[in-house]
């Protein structure tokens, strides 16, 4: 960049965006990439073939706009949730968008915005804060305990003090992997409603990997409680960009006020529908990953590292005097993991058994060097 080049801060950008960095993780060409919580297993060939069939059929109508409300897709998602998440939901209770990030953005467009506030409990998914700021919603960080669980008493006090319009709860939490129990969610929900009607958004992007049951049943009788999900993780479809929510039908009506027209392409809808036809196969991969996750936890613990209990497809571990130096040392051995900025800790996504072996070998070598 030349010294005469225009910088972001030279533009009339909104004040709350000045000095901020875009969301992202290093994309490096290394033998083992375990830094973005992707499902490491490619889609099975029979599903790839079915996607091709569905997309071919959709392509014949690409001269027309897609189903604006994605009714068939929402119906299939409702069936999937009803079968796997312990609570029956209807098509009218489900909404889909381009990744769970767009779902969250639409919720903040509808219920946040200028003059309104969102509250989350950090460290947590950084996009909650970024999307809040992007929609002109003020962001507040709530308290966690030293073990990364939510400090319920302090959280209830923060809700009473700040009177947020939206509360985010991430379960399992990214980047720590910790799950949130139903009692905590209900305590936060009830505290928020005692102040004023407040949207409580439970982000279950990694819900299929959890030992705990889904928090979806909590939406019953609670019109301001929303559960968001994604097909990126358990379905091994990060490249698809398909997220969805389940909530009271009135919430679905509300987000349709702000969604862009025809926001889900016919190709996206066709691909997602094909994936939902192979749910059992894809959830079989989830079970394999859960076993590998538990192996990583055990192996890292045996190395004397402090491992945060994980209900997700990733593991947070430490504690390192210089976490970034450790990250670099692991990378130098051909394994890319994530430095999320949590003091003293790093995060590794669960890969295939071979990828996990390479990661563990790298950590053993680095740990041995550090002990010299």
Protein backbone atom coordinates (compact mmCIF):
# COMPACT_ATOMS: atom_id res chain seq x y z
CA UNK A 1 0.00 0.00 0.00
CA UNK A 2 1.41 3.38 -1.00
CA UNK A 3 1.49 6.20 1.50
CA UNK A 4 -1.18 7.98 -0.56
CA UNK A 5 -3.58 5.03 -0.46
CA UNK A 6 -6.93 5.52 1.20
CA UNK A 7 -7.32 3.75 4.55
CA UNK A 8 -10.55 2.59 6.15
CA UNK A 9 -10.32 5.33 8.76
CA UNK A 10 -10.12 7.92 5.96
CA UNK A 11 -13.64 6.93 4.93
CA UNK A 12 -16.81 8.12 6.70
CA UNK A 13 -17.16 4.75 8.43
CA UNK A 14 -19.40 4.43 11.47
CA UNK A 15 -17.58 5.18 14.71
CA UNK A 16 -18.33 1.81 16.31
CA UNK A 17 -16.51 0.09 13.42
CA UNK A 18 -13.32 2.15 13.59
CA UNK A 19 -10.29 0.14 14.66
CA UNK A 20 -12.11 -3.19 14.43
CA UNK A 21 -10.82 -6.26 12.61
CA UNK A 22 -12.91 -8.53 10.39
CA UNK A 23 -13.68 -12.05 11.56
CA UNK A 24 -11.31 -14.65 10.23
CA UNK A 25 -8.78 -17.38 10.87
CA UNK A 26 -5.44 -18.00 9.10
CA UNK A 27 -5.89 -19.99 5.89
CA UNK A 28 -2.50 -21.60 5.43
CA UNK A 29 -1.39 -24.43 3.17
CA UNK A 30 -0.20 -26.97 5.72
CA UNK A 31 -0.59 -30.76 5.92
CA UNK A 32 -3.07 -30.68 8.82
CA UNK A 33 -5.61 -27.87 9.31
CA UNK A 34 -7.49 -28.04 12.61
CA UNK A 35 -8.31 -24.40 13.24
CA UNK A 36 -11.85 -23.68 11.97
CA UNK A 37 -14.00 -26.41 13.57
CA UNK A 38 -14.88 -27.96 10.23
CA UNK A 39 -16.08 -31.54 9.97
CA UNK A 40 -13.03 -33.35 8.51
CA UNK A 41 -15.04 -36.01 6.68
CA UNK A 42 -16.02 -35.31 3.04
CA UNK A 43 -19.63 -35.91 2.14
CA UNK A 44 -20.30 -39.54 1.16
CA UNK A 45 -20.43 -40.23 -2.56
CA UNK A 46 -24.09 -41.20 -2.50
CA UNK A 47 -24.93 -37.81 -1.02
CA UNK A 48 -22.72 -36.03 -3.56
CA UNK A 49 -24.66 -37.82 -6.30
CA UNK A 50 -27.98 -36.86 -4.73
CA UNK A 51 -26.88 -33.22 -4.50
CA UNK A 52 -26.04 -33.32 -8.21
CA UNK A 53 -29.54 -34.64 -8.96
CA UNK A 54 -31.24 -32.03 -6.81
CA UNK A 55 -29.14 -29.18 -8.17
CA UNK A 56 -29.67 -30.32 -11.77
CA UNK A 57 -33.40 -30.22 -11.18
CA UNK A 58 -33.15 -26.77 -9.60
CA UNK A 59 -30.97 -25.51 -12.46
CA UNK A 60 -33.79 -26.02 -14.92
CA UNK A 61 -35.68 -23.28 -13.12
CA UNK A 62 -32.88 -20.79 -12.46
CA UNK A 63 -34.57 -18.29 -14.76
CA UNK A 64 -37.13 -17.92 -11.96
CA UNK A 65 -36.64 -16.71 -8.41
CA UNK A 66 -36.37 -19.43 -5.74
CA UNK A 67 -39.06 -20.16 -3.18
CA UNK A 68 -38.80 -16.92 -1.20
CA UNK A 69 -39.87 -18.55 2.07
CA UNK A 70 -38.03 -21.90 1.57
CA UNK A 71 -41.10 -23.78 2.78
CA UNK A 72 -39.97 -27.29 1.79
CA UNK A 73 -36.57 -26.79 3.38
CA UNK A 74 -38.06 -25.39 6.58
CA UNK A 75 -40.44 -28.35 6.75
CA UNK A 76 -37.56 -30.83 6.46
CA UNK A 77 -35.55 -28.91 9.08
CA UNK A 78 -38.56 -28.99 11.41
CA UNK A 79 -38.78 -32.76 10.94
CA UNK A 80 -35.07 -33.12 11.67
CA UNK A 81 -35.30 -31.08 14.88
CA UNK A 82 -38.44 -32.87 16.00
CA UNK A 83 -36.69 -36.22 15.58
CA UNK A 84 -33.30 -35.39 17.07
CA UNK A 85 -33.63 -32.46 19.49
CA UNK A 86 -36.31 -33.73 21.86
CA UNK A 87 -39.09 -31.31 20.97
CA UNK A 88 -41.60 -31.17 18.15
CA UNK A 89 -41.56 -28.01 16.07
CA UNK A 90 -43.62 -26.98 13.07
CA UNK A 91 -42.59 -25.44 9.78
CA UNK A 92 -43.93 -22.10 11.02
CA UNK A 93 -41.43 -22.20 13.91
CA UNK A 94 -38.35 -22.65 11.71
CA UNK A 95 -36.46 -20.10 9.62
CA UNK A 96 -33.38 -20.66 7.44
CA UNK A 97 -30.71 -18.33 6.08
CA UNK A 98 -27.17 -18.26 4.67
CA UNK A 99 -25.36 -19.73 7.66
CA UNK A 100 -26.23 -19.20 11.29
CA UNK A 101 -24.39 -15.87 11.05
CA UNK A 102 -27.12 -14.51 8.77
CA UNK A 103 -29.74 -15.90 11.17
CA UNK A 104 -28.07 -13.95 14.00
CA UNK A 105 -27.80 -10.86 11.84
CA UNK A 106 -31.49 -10.98 11.00
CA UNK A 107 -32.37 -11.37 14.67
CA UNK A 108 -30.29 -8.32 15.53
CA UNK A 109 -31.76 -6.35 12.64
CA UNK A 110 -35.22 -7.13 13.98
CA UNK A 111 -34.64 -6.87 17.73
CA UNK A 112 -31.41 -4.87 18.09
CA UNK A 113 -30.20 -1.76 16.29
CA UNK A 114 -29.37 1.81 17.28
CA UNK A 115 -30.31 2.64 20.85
CA UNK A 116 -30.51 -1.05 21.76
CA UNK A 117 -28.03 -3.35 23.50
CA UNK A 118 -26.90 -6.97 23.20
CA UNK A 119 -25.23 -8.88 26.05
CA UNK A 120 -23.03 -11.97 25.73
CA UNK A 121 -20.65 -13.86 27.99
CA UNK A 122 -17.06 -13.74 26.80
CA UNK A 123 -14.94 -15.49 25.82
CA UNK A 124 -17.56 -16.67 23.36
CA UNK A 125 -18.28 -16.65 19.65
CA UNK A 126 -16.76 -13.39 18.46
CA UNK A 127 -19.36 -12.90 15.72
CA UNK A 128 -22.01 -12.14 18.34
CA UNK A 129 -20.19 -8.90 19.13
CA UNK A 130 -19.21 -8.21 15.52
CA UNK A 131 -22.72 -8.63 14.14
CA UNK A 132 -24.09 -6.55 17.01
CA UNK A 133 -21.78 -3.68 16.11
CA UNK A 134 -22.52 -4.18 12.42
CA UNK A 135 -26.23 -3.68 13.06
CA UNK A 136 -25.65 -0.63 15.25
CA UNK A 137 -26.40 -2.58 18.42
CA UNK A 138 -24.31 -1.71 21.47
CA UNK A 139 -22.35 -4.70 22.83
CA UNK A 140 -21.80 -5.61 26.48
CA UNK A 141 -19.63 -8.46 27.75
CA UNK A 142 -21.03 -10.41 30.70
CA UNK A 143 -19.12 -12.44 33.32
CA UNK A 144 -17.86 -16.01 33.32
CA UNK A 145 -16.31 -18.10 36.06
CA UNK A 146 -12.68 -19.20 35.98
CA UNK A 147 -13.78 -22.57 34.56
CA UNK A 148 -15.55 -20.71 31.70
CA UNK A 149 -19.06 -21.50 32.91
CA UNK A 150 -21.49 -18.58 33.16
CA UNK A 151 -21.55 -16.89 36.56
CA UNK A 152 -25.32 -16.99 36.97
CA UNK A 153 -25.63 -14.59 39.89
CA UNK A 154 -23.34 -12.04 38.25
CA UNK A 155 -25.09 -12.52 34.91
CA UNK A 156 -28.52 -11.91 36.44
CA UNK A 157 -27.15 -8.77 38.11
CA UNK A 158 -25.70 -7.57 34.78
CA UNK A 159 -29.06 -8.08 33.08
CA UNK A 160 -30.82 -6.10 35.81
CA UNK A 161 -28.25 -3.29 35.55
CA UNK A 162 -27.90 -2.98 31.77
CA UNK A 163 -31.41 -3.99 30.63
CA UNK A 164 -30.26 -5.54 27.33
CA UNK A 165 -32.60 -6.06 24.40
CA UNK A 166 -30.85 -9.26 23.25
CA UNK A 167 -28.97 -11.84 25.34
CA UNK A 168 -26.69 -14.41 23.69
CA UNK A 169 -25.96 -17.81 25.23
CA UNK A 170 -23.61 -20.10 23.30
CA UNK A 171 -23.97 -23.80 24.12
CA UNK A 172 -21.63 -25.55 23.55
CA UNK A 173 -19.59 -22.39 23.84
CA UNK A 174 -17.03 -21.45 21.23
CA UNK A 175 -14.05 -21.35 21.90
CA UNK A 176 -14.17 -23.13 25.25
CA UNK A 177 -16.45 -26.09 24.37
CA UNK A 178 -18.44 -25.79 27.59
CA UNK A 179 -22.16 -26.58 27.50
CA UNK A 180 -24.80 -24.57 29.37
CA UNK A 181 -27.48 -26.33 31.40
CA UNK A 182 -31.18 -25.60 31.07
CA UNK A 183 -31.37 -24.11 34.57
CA UNK A 184 -28.85 -21.42 33.65
CA UNK A 185 -30.69 -20.50 30.45
CA UNK A 186 -33.99 -20.29 32.31
CA UNK A 187 -32.44 -18.13 35.02
CA UNK A 188 -31.12 -15.69 32.41
CA UNK A 189 -34.37 -15.76 30.45
CA UNK A 190 -36.51 -15.09 33.51
CA UNK A 191 -34.20 -12.33 34.73
CA UNK A 192 -34.34 -10.66 31.33
CA UNK A 193 -38.12 -10.82 31.05
CA UNK A 194 -38.46 -9.40 34.56
CA UNK A 195 -36.86 -6.19 33.28
CA UNK A 196 -38.64 -5.94 29.91
CA UNK A 197 -39.39 -8.20 26.93
CA UNK A 198 -35.92 -9.37 25.88
CA UNK A 199 -34.82 -11.78 23.16
CA UNK A 200 -32.66 -14.63 24.47
CA UNK A 201 -30.75 -16.37 21.68
CA UNK A 202 -29.26 -19.80 22.39
CA UNK A 203 -26.55 -20.49 19.80
CA UNK A 204 -26.38 -24.28 19.35
CA UNK A 205 -24.04 -24.37 16.36
CA UNK A 206 -22.31 -27.39 17.92
CA UNK A 207 -25.39 -28.88 19.55
CA UNK A 208 -25.17 -32.29 17.86
CA UNK A 209 -21.76 -32.90 19.46
CA UNK A 210 -22.93 -32.30 23.03
CA UNK A 211 -23.33 -34.89 25.77
CA UNK A 212 -26.29 -32.84 26.98
CA UNK A 213 -29.73 -32.75 25.36
CA UNK A 214 -30.62 -29.80 23.17
CA UNK A 215 -32.06 -26.71 24.82
CA UNK A 216 -34.73 -26.59 22.10
CA UNK A 217 -37.59 -27.73 24.41
CA UNK A 218 -37.16 -24.48 26.37
CA UNK A 219 -38.81 -22.50 23.56
CA UNK A 220 -42.20 -23.95 24.50
CA UNK A 221 -44.28 -21.16 26.03
CA UNK A 222 -41.38 -18.69 25.78
CA UNK A 223 -41.92 -16.47 22.71
CA UNK A 224 -38.71 -14.49 23.28
CA UNK A 225 -36.42 -17.56 23.41
CA UNK A 226 -34.70 -18.59 20.16
CA UNK A 227 -32.44 -21.56 19.36
CA UNK A 228 -30.12 -21.20 16.36
CA UNK A 229 -28.39 -24.09 14.56
CA UNK A 230 -26.19 -24.69 11.52
CA UNK A 231 -25.54 -27.36 8.90
CA UNK A 232 -21.85 -26.38 8.76
CA UNK A 233 -20.63 -28.62 11.56
CA UNK A 234 -22.58 -31.83 12.17
CA UNK A 235 -23.68 -32.06 8.52
CA UNK A 236 -20.15 -31.51 7.25
CA UNK A 237 -21.45 -28.74 5.00
CA UNK A 238 -19.45 -25.64 5.91
CA UNK A 239 -19.28 -24.70 2.23
CA UNK A 240 -23.06 -24.81 1.91
CA UNK A 241 -23.71 -21.85 4.25
CA UNK A 242 -27.02 -22.91 5.73
CA UNK A 243 -28.17 -21.94 9.21
CA UNK A 244 -31.58 -22.00 10.83
CA UNK A 245 -33.50 -21.11 13.96
CA UNK A 246 -36.43 -22.50 15.90
CA UNK A 247 -38.70 -20.21 17.89
CA UNK A 248 -42.24 -18.99 18.29
CA UNK A 249 -43.86 -18.36 14.87
CA UNK A 250 -44.01 -14.65 15.70
CA UNK A 251 -40.18 -14.56 15.72
CA UNK A 252 -40.15 -16.08 12.23
CA UNK A 253 -42.61 -13.41 11.13
CA UNK A 254 -40.33 -10.75 12.62
CA UNK A 255 -37.14 -11.82 10.84
CA UNK A 256 -39.00 -11.90 7.54
CA UNK A 257 -39.44 -8.15 7.91
CA UNK A 258 -35.67 -7.68 7.53
CA UNK A 259 -34.54 -10.57 5.35
CA UNK A 260 -33.48 -9.75 1.81
CA UNK A 261 -35.84 -10.93 -0.93
CA UNK A 262 -35.06 -14.46 -2.15
CA UNK A 263 -32.09 -14.64 0.20
CA UNK A 264 -31.68 -18.43 -0.15
CA UNK A 265 -30.82 -19.49 -3.68
CA UNK A 266 -32.51 -22.43 -5.35
CA UNK A 267 -29.13 -24.20 -5.43
CA UNK A 268 -28.62 -23.72 -1.68
CA UNK A 269 -32.10 -25.02 -0.92
CA UNK A 270 -31.63 -28.04 -3.20
CA UNK A 271 -28.27 -28.93 -1.64
CA UNK A 272 -29.59 -28.62 1.91
CA UNK A 273 -32.59 -30.79 1.09
CA UNK A 274 -30.30 -33.48 -0.29
CA UNK A 275 -28.17 -33.39 2.87
CA UNK A 276 -31.25 -33.78 5.06
CA UNK A 277 -32.06 -37.00 3.19
CA UNK A 278 -28.80 -38.47 4.55
CA UNK A 279 -29.09 -37.36 8.16
CA UNK A 280 -28.41 -40.78 9.69
CA UNK A 281 -25.17 -41.24 7.76
CA UNK A 282 -23.94 -37.76 8.63
CA UNK A 283 -24.79 -38.14 12.31
CA UNK A 284 -22.74 -41.33 12.25
CA UNK A 285 -19.70 -39.18 11.49
CA UNK A 286 -20.65 -37.03 14.48
CA UNK A 287 -20.41 -40.07 16.75
CA UNK A 288 -16.93 -40.82 15.39
CA UNK A 289 -15.86 -37.24 16.05
CA UNK A 290 -17.21 -37.33 19.59
CA UNK A 291 -15.06 -40.39 20.25
CA UNK A 292 -12.00 -38.67 18.79
CA UNK A 293 -12.73 -35.54 20.84
CA UNK A 294 -12.79 -37.56 24.03
CA UNK A 295 -9.49 -39.20 22.99
CA UNK A 296 -7.90 -35.78 22.49
CA UNK A 297 -9.10 -34.67 25.92
CA UNK A 298 -7.61 -37.77 27.53
CA UNK A 299 -4.29 -37.55 25.66
CA UNK A 300 -3.83 -33.83 26.33
CA UNK A 301 -4.66 -34.32 29.99
CA UNK A 302 -2.11 -37.15 30.18
CA UNK A 303 0.51 -34.69 28.91
CA UNK A 304 -0.15 -32.57 31.99
CA UNK A 305 -2.07 -29.87 30.13
CA UNK A 306 -5.18 -28.15 31.48
CA UNK A 307 -8.08 -29.13 29.23
CA UNK A 308 -11.47 -27.44 29.32
CA UNK A 309 -14.29 -30.06 29.30
CA UNK A 310 -15.70 -30.05 25.77
CA UNK A 311 -19.16 -30.77 24.37
CA UNK A 312 -18.19 -29.59 20.89
CA UNK A 313 -16.02 -30.76 17.99
CA UNK A 314 -13.02 -28.87 19.34
CA UNK A 315 -10.94 -28.78 22.50
CA UNK A 316 -9.46 -25.82 24.39
CA UNK A 317 -6.20 -26.55 26.19
CA UNK A 318 -3.28 -24.82 27.94
CA UNK A 319 -2.08 -23.20 30.07
CA UNK A 320 0.92 -21.76 28.21
CA UNK A 321 3.17 -18.92 29.28
CA UNK A 322 3.22 -17.81 25.65
CA UNK A 323 0.24 -19.31 23.83
CA UNK A 324 1.10 -17.73 20.49
CA UNK A 325 4.65 -19.08 20.59
CA UNK A 326 3.24 -22.55 21.25
CA UNK A 327 0.78 -22.08 18.36
CA UNK A 328 3.69 -21.21 16.09
CA UNK A 329 5.74 -24.20 17.29
CA UNK A 330 2.85 -26.56 16.49
CA UNK A 331 2.41 -24.86 13.10
CA UNK A 332 6.12 -25.33 12.39
CA UNK A 333 5.41 -29.07 12.65
CA UNK A 334 2.74 -28.87 9.97
CA UNK A 335 -0.37 -28.58 12.13
CA UNK A 336 -2.53 -25.46 12.10
CA UNK A 337 -4.64 -24.89 15.24
CA UNK A 338 -6.33 -21.74 16.59
CA UNK A 339 -5.04 -19.01 18.84
CA UNK A 340 -8.31 -17.35 19.86
CA UNK A 341 -6.76 -14.87 22.21
CA UNK A 342 -7.98 -16.60 25.37
CA UNK A 343 -5.03 -15.98 27.72
CA UNK A 344 -2.69 -18.96 27.90
CA UNK A 345 -4.91 -21.26 25.84
CA UNK A 346 -5.24 -22.67 22.34
CA UNK A 347 -8.04 -24.51 20.53
CA UNK A 348 -7.85 -27.54 18.26
CA UNK A 349 -10.64 -28.81 16.02
CA UNK A 350 -11.26 -32.55 16.08
CA UNK A 351 -10.00 -34.11 12.87
CA UNK A 352 -9.67 -37.61 11.50
CA UNK A 353 -7.75 -40.11 13.64
CA UNK A 354 -4.68 -39.55 11.47
CA UNK A 355 -4.92 -35.77 11.76
CA UNK A 356 -5.40 -36.01 15.51
CA UNK A 357 -2.34 -38.26 15.78
CA UNK A 358 -0.28 -35.67 13.90
CA UNK A 359 -1.54 -32.95 16.23
CA UNK A 360 -0.77 -34.98 19.36
CA UNK A 361 2.72 -35.80 18.07
CA UNK A 362 3.34 -32.10 17.50
CA UNK A 363 2.12 -31.15 20.98
CA UNK A 364 4.24 -33.89 22.57
CA UNK A 365 7.32 -32.61 20.76
CA UNK A 366 6.64 -28.99 21.74
CA UNK A 367 5.90 -29.95 25.34
CA UNK A 368 9.13 -31.93 25.53
CA UNK A 369 11.12 -29.02 24.17
CA UNK A 370 9.54 -26.63 26.65
CA UNK A 371 10.52 -28.91 29.52
CA UNK A 372 14.24 -28.82 28.66
